[in-house]
Amino acid sequence: MELFENERIDYVNDNLSLIQKTKGLTFGTDALLLAGYIMGKYKKGLELGGGSGIISMLIAVREKCEHMDVCEIQEEYSDLITRNIELNGLGDKIKAVHCDIRELNANENMDIVVSNPPYMKADSGRSNAHDAKNIARHEIHGDIYDFSAAASHALKYGGSYFAVYRPDRLIDLIDSMRKKALEPKRMTFVHAYTDSEPSMVLIEAKKGGKTGLNLTRPLIIYKSRTDCDYTDDMDFIMENGVFPKDFKR
């Protein structure tokens, strides 16, 4: 596979090879955990804002969803997703779609929608509206309400929306979901250490679901601040590509 300027190939979880842009956002824990938070088997899925395509690729190789469409507004990243799909031989399971999530032609037929949406407001520290990192981090091409609207329009009744977000904007996330008939049903706070504040929140919402939220026990990533050893929960996720079963209750 030919690499362009400022690109590299990394070998990540599940024996996947991932072309990444050295000056763009790279594969991180948030993507790994979001893919692992999906516990079940589905037929049709959609990812909103695909980046490199890693989340949908992890879902596909773990056979959690038979087919994933990946919506990405940046043409260079939509092309990157296509190349990563080809590199890993996943053309029969994933398709990249170059589109704006606000203009997505949704048919309410998806079983799941997944997203790692931009978590910073458009006017919070943005230095370049056209920079790939800023587009991925800031709400330049749609805010959290737009993402929840796109998810709701794409999902069939009873379908699930999985998202990872920042805890300080959790109220916005839940408000945006409820305004689009997406009822939060399961939520997990993620902490780096037992004595640290949560750095991210994972959430599953059901389209048309009844009220009632299962707030799971928190996920702690590291055993202590003095070493880099994972906790048993994190080791399980890394090895199995899914959260332990008690995070499903």
Protein backbone atom coordinates (compact mmCIF):
# COMPACT_ATOMS: atom_id res chain seq x y z
CA MET A 1 0.00 0.00 0.00
CA GLU A 2 1.45 3.34 -1.09
CA LEU A 3 1.84 5.96 1.63
CA PHE A 4 1.49 9.66 1.03
CA GLU A 5 3.47 12.44 2.69
CA ASN A 6 3.04 12.59 6.48
CA GLU A 7 1.57 9.11 6.70
CA ARG A 8 2.64 5.94 8.46
CA ILE A 9 1.34 2.41 9.01
CA ASP A 10 0.80 1.24 12.58
CA TYR A 11 -0.15 -2.23 13.73
CA VAL A 12 -2.93 -1.99 16.29
CA ASN A 13 -5.37 -4.28 18.07
CA ASP A 14 -6.91 -7.35 16.41
CA ASN A 15 -4.04 -7.62 13.90
CA LEU A 16 -5.22 -4.56 12.05
CA SER A 17 -2.85 -2.41 9.98
CA LEU A 18 -3.77 1.26 10.19
CA ILE A 19 -2.61 4.06 7.92
CA GLN A 20 -2.50 7.20 10.03
CA LYS A 21 -1.65 10.80 9.26
CA THR A 22 1.25 11.90 11.42
CA LYS A 23 -0.14 15.43 11.69
CA GLY A 24 -3.71 14.32 12.37
CA LEU A 25 -5.47 12.63 15.25
CA THR A 26 -4.23 9.09 15.78
CA PHE A 27 -5.71 5.89 17.22
CA GLY A 28 -6.46 6.31 20.91
CA THR A 29 -8.09 4.74 23.93
CA ASP A 30 -11.42 6.44 23.25
CA ALA A 31 -11.81 4.59 19.93
CA LEU A 32 -10.76 1.28 21.44
CA LEU A 33 -13.21 1.60 24.34
CA LEU A 34 -16.11 2.73 22.17
CA ALA A 35 -15.70 -0.33 19.95
CA GLY A 36 -15.48 -2.52 23.05
CA TYR A 37 -18.62 -0.98 24.57
CA ILE A 38 -20.73 -2.57 21.84
CA MET A 39 -21.86 -5.89 23.29
CA GLY A 40 -24.02 -7.82 20.85
CA LYS A 41 -24.43 -8.84 17.21
CA TYR A 42 -26.02 -6.54 14.63
CA LYS A 43 -26.62 -6.45 10.88
CA LYS A 44 -26.43 -2.83 9.73
CA GLY A 45 -24.42 -0.05 11.35
CA LEU A 46 -23.33 3.53 10.74
CA GLU A 47 -20.40 5.50 12.10
CA LEU A 48 -20.69 9.29 12.23
CA GLY A 49 -17.31 10.96 11.72
CA GLY A 50 -14.99 8.11 10.87
CA GLY A 51 -11.48 9.62 11.01
CA SER A 52 -9.20 6.73 10.05
CA GLY A 53 -12.04 4.20 10.18
CA ILE A 54 -10.57 2.29 13.11
CA ILE A 55 -13.78 2.07 15.17
CA SER A 56 -15.76 0.47 12.35
CA MET A 57 -12.81 -1.77 11.53
CA LEU A 58 -12.65 -3.05 15.11
CA ILE A 59 -16.40 -3.64 15.09
CA ALA A 60 -16.14 -5.53 11.79
CA VAL A 61 -13.23 -7.82 12.64
CA ARG A 62 -14.87 -8.68 15.96
CA GLU A 63 -18.02 -9.61 14.00
CA LYS A 64 -20.24 -7.29 16.04
CA CYS A 65 -21.91 -5.91 12.92
CA GLU A 66 -22.22 -7.48 9.48
CA HIS A 67 -21.84 -4.19 7.57
CA MET A 68 -20.79 -0.66 8.57
CA ASP A 69 -21.13 2.59 6.62
CA VAL A 70 -18.67 5.27 7.72
CA CYS A 71 -19.69 8.91 7.20
CA GLU A 72 -16.74 11.33 7.06
CA ILE A 73 -16.90 14.99 5.97
CA GLN A 74 -13.17 15.49 5.24
CA GLU A 75 -12.41 14.10 1.80
CA GLU A 76 -8.82 13.21 2.62
CA TYR A 77 -10.01 11.17 5.60
CA SER A 78 -12.82 9.55 3.65
CA ASP A 79 -10.15 8.45 1.16
CA LEU A 80 -7.99 7.29 4.07
CA ILE A 81 -10.82 5.14 5.41
CA THR A 82 -11.22 3.54 1.97
CA ARG A 83 -7.49 2.77 1.84
CA ASN A 84 -7.56 1.28 5.35
CA ILE A 85 -10.54 -0.87 4.38
CA GLU A 86 -8.62 -2.16 1.34
CA LEU A 87 -5.42 -2.66 3.33
CA ASN A 88 -7.21 -4.94 5.79
CA GLY A 89 -9.41 -6.76 3.27
CA LEU A 90 -12.66 -5.47 4.76
CA GLY A 91 -14.31 -4.24 1.58
CA ASP A 92 -17.26 -6.60 1.99
CA LYS A 93 -17.95 -5.35 5.53
CA ILE A 94 -17.29 -1.58 5.53
CA LYS A 95 -17.96 1.28 3.11
CA ALA A 96 -16.69 4.86 3.43
CA VAL A 97 -19.20 7.61 2.61
CA HIS A 98 -17.95 11.15 1.99
CA CYS A 99 -20.72 13.29 3.48
CA ASP A 100 -21.78 15.87 6.03
CA ILE A 101 -23.67 14.25 8.91
CA ARG A 102 -26.14 17.17 8.76
CA GLU A 103 -27.04 16.22 5.18
CA LEU A 104 -27.00 12.46 5.61
CA ASN A 105 -29.70 10.67 3.66
CA ALA A 106 -30.90 8.50 6.52
CA ASN A 107 -33.57 5.84 6.11
CA GLU A 108 -34.20 4.80 9.72
CA ASN A 109 -32.97 1.28 8.99
CA MET A 110 -29.75 1.02 10.99
CA ASP A 111 -29.44 -1.34 13.94
CA ILE A 112 -26.63 0.67 15.51
CA VAL A 113 -24.98 4.05 15.13
CA VAL A 114 -21.61 4.80 16.72
CA SER A 115 -19.75 8.07 17.10
CA ASN A 116 -16.79 9.74 18.74
CA PRO A 117 -18.11 13.27 18.06
CA PRO A 118 -16.19 16.55 18.40
CA TYR A 119 -16.28 17.52 22.06
CA MET A 120 -15.24 21.18 22.02
CA LYS A 121 -17.44 24.11 21.05
CA ALA A 122 -16.50 25.78 17.77
CA ASP A 123 -15.32 28.98 19.48
CA SER A 124 -13.25 27.33 22.24
CA GLY A 125 -9.59 27.78 21.38
CA ARG A 126 -9.90 27.07 17.65
CA SER A 127 -6.89 28.31 15.70
CA ASN A 128 -7.62 27.03 12.18
CA ALA A 129 -11.09 26.04 11.01
CA HIS A 130 -9.63 23.98 8.16
CA ASP A 131 -7.07 22.04 10.19
CA ALA A 132 -7.92 18.32 10.41
CA LYS A 133 -7.29 18.12 14.15
CA ASN A 134 -9.48 21.13 14.85
CA ILE A 135 -12.29 19.72 12.72
CA ALA A 136 -12.11 16.42 14.63
CA ARG A 137 -12.07 18.14 18.04
CA HIS A 138 -14.30 21.16 17.52
CA GLU A 139 -17.94 21.45 16.49
CA ILE A 140 -17.11 23.12 13.19
CA HIS A 141 -19.21 20.85 10.96
CA GLY A 142 -22.00 20.06 13.38
CA ASP A 143 -22.51 20.17 17.14
CA ILE A 144 -23.59 17.40 19.49
CA TYR A 145 -27.25 18.14 18.69
CA ASP A 146 -26.53 17.56 14.99
CA PHE A 147 -24.84 14.25 15.76
CA SER A 148 -27.75 13.03 17.89
CA ALA A 149 -30.20 14.15 15.18
CA ALA A 150 -28.25 12.22 12.52
CA ALA A 151 -28.13 9.14 14.75
CA SER A 152 -31.86 9.26 15.41
CA HIS A 153 -32.70 9.70 11.72
CA ALA A 154 -30.53 6.74 10.78
CA LEU A 155 -31.70 4.32 13.49
CA LYS A 156 -34.71 2.07 13.26
CA TYR A 157 -37.06 2.02 16.25
CA GLY A 158 -35.32 0.19 19.09
CA GLY A 159 -31.88 0.67 17.54
CA SER A 160 -28.88 1.67 19.67
CA TYR A 161 -26.65 4.73 19.56
CA PHE A 162 -23.20 4.32 21.11
CA ALA A 163 -21.06 7.38 21.81
CA VAL A 164 -17.94 8.42 23.72
CA TYR A 165 -17.74 11.98 25.01
CA ARG A 166 -16.23 14.28 27.61
CA PRO A 167 -17.84 14.26 31.07
CA ASP A 168 -17.91 18.05 31.31
CA ARG A 169 -20.35 18.11 28.37
CA LEU A 170 -22.44 15.14 29.46
CA ILE A 171 -25.54 17.27 30.04
CA ASP A 172 -25.39 18.53 26.45
CA LEU A 173 -25.05 14.96 25.20
CA ILE A 174 -28.03 13.66 27.17
CA ASP A 175 -30.14 16.70 26.30
CA SER A 176 -29.36 16.28 22.60
CA MET A 177 -30.28 12.59 22.75
CA ARG A 178 -33.60 13.08 24.50
CA LYS A 179 -34.64 15.82 22.09
CA LYS A 180 -34.26 13.26 19.29
CA ALA A 181 -36.06 10.33 20.97
CA LEU A 182 -32.79 8.65 22.01
CA GLU A 183 -33.16 7.49 25.61
CA PRO A 184 -29.90 6.87 27.52
CA LYS A 185 -29.95 3.29 28.83
CA ARG A 186 -26.36 2.50 29.87
CA MET A 187 -23.49 4.75 30.89
CA THR A 188 -19.93 4.20 32.12
CA PHE A 189 -17.42 6.73 33.40
CA VAL A 190 -13.78 6.06 32.50
CA HIS A 191 -10.97 7.05 34.88
CA ALA A 192 -7.24 6.81 34.31
CA TYR A 193 -6.70 5.97 38.02
CA THR A 194 -8.92 5.23 40.99
CA ASP A 195 -8.25 8.69 42.45
CA SER A 196 -8.64 10.69 39.23
CA GLU A 197 -11.69 12.42 37.81
CA PRO A 198 -13.31 10.72 34.80
CA SER A 199 -11.66 11.57 31.49
CA MET A 200 -14.43 10.23 29.27
CA VAL A 201 -17.94 8.79 29.39
CA LEU A 202 -19.38 5.97 27.30
CA ILE A 203 -23.11 5.86 26.67
CA GLU A 204 -25.67 3.67 24.92
CA ALA A 205 -29.08 5.12 24.03
CA LYS A 206 -32.13 3.40 22.53
CA LYS A 207 -34.33 5.04 19.92
CA GLY A 208 -37.80 5.17 21.42
CA GLY A 209 -36.59 3.54 24.63
CA LYS A 210 -38.33 3.87 27.98
CA THR A 211 -36.76 5.85 30.81
CA GLY A 212 -34.34 4.00 33.06
CA LEU A 213 -30.56 4.35 33.07
CA ASN A 214 -28.05 1.71 34.12
CA LEU A 215 -25.04 3.58 35.50
CA THR A 216 -22.38 0.87 35.59
CA ARG A 217 -19.40 0.74 37.86
CA PRO A 218 -16.56 2.92 36.55
CA LEU A 219 -13.84 1.60 34.29
CA ILE A 220 -10.37 2.24 35.72
CA ILE A 221 -7.58 2.01 33.14
CA TYR A 222 -4.37 1.83 35.22
CA LYS A 223 -3.66 0.12 38.54
CA SER A 224 -1.68 3.06 39.92
CA ARG A 225 0.04 6.28 39.00
CA THR A 226 3.48 4.75 39.53
CA ASP A 227 3.39 2.24 36.67
CA CYS A 228 1.64 1.59 33.37
CA ASP A 229 0.04 -1.73 34.27
CA TYR A 230 -3.56 -2.08 33.15
CA THR A 231 -6.30 -3.10 35.56
CA ASP A 232 -7.91 -6.53 35.15
CA ASP A 233 -10.89 -4.88 33.42
CA MET A 234 -8.67 -3.10 30.91
CA ASP A 235 -6.63 -6.25 30.29
CA PHE A 236 -9.89 -8.08 29.56
CA ILE A 237 -10.97 -5.42 27.06
CA MET A 238 -7.59 -5.44 25.33
CA GLU A 239 -7.62 -9.23 25.04
CA ASN A 240 -11.27 -9.82 24.14
CA GLY A 241 -12.31 -6.59 22.40
CA VAL A 242 -15.38 -6.24 24.62
CA PHE A 243 -16.17 -5.07 28.14
CA PRO A 244 -16.67 -7.62 30.93
CA LYS A 245 -20.24 -8.88 31.07
CA ASP A 246 -21.21 -7.03 34.25
CA PHE A 247 -20.86 -3.72 32.35
CA LYS A 248 -23.89 -4.80 30.32
CA ARG A 249 -26.35 -4.97 33.24
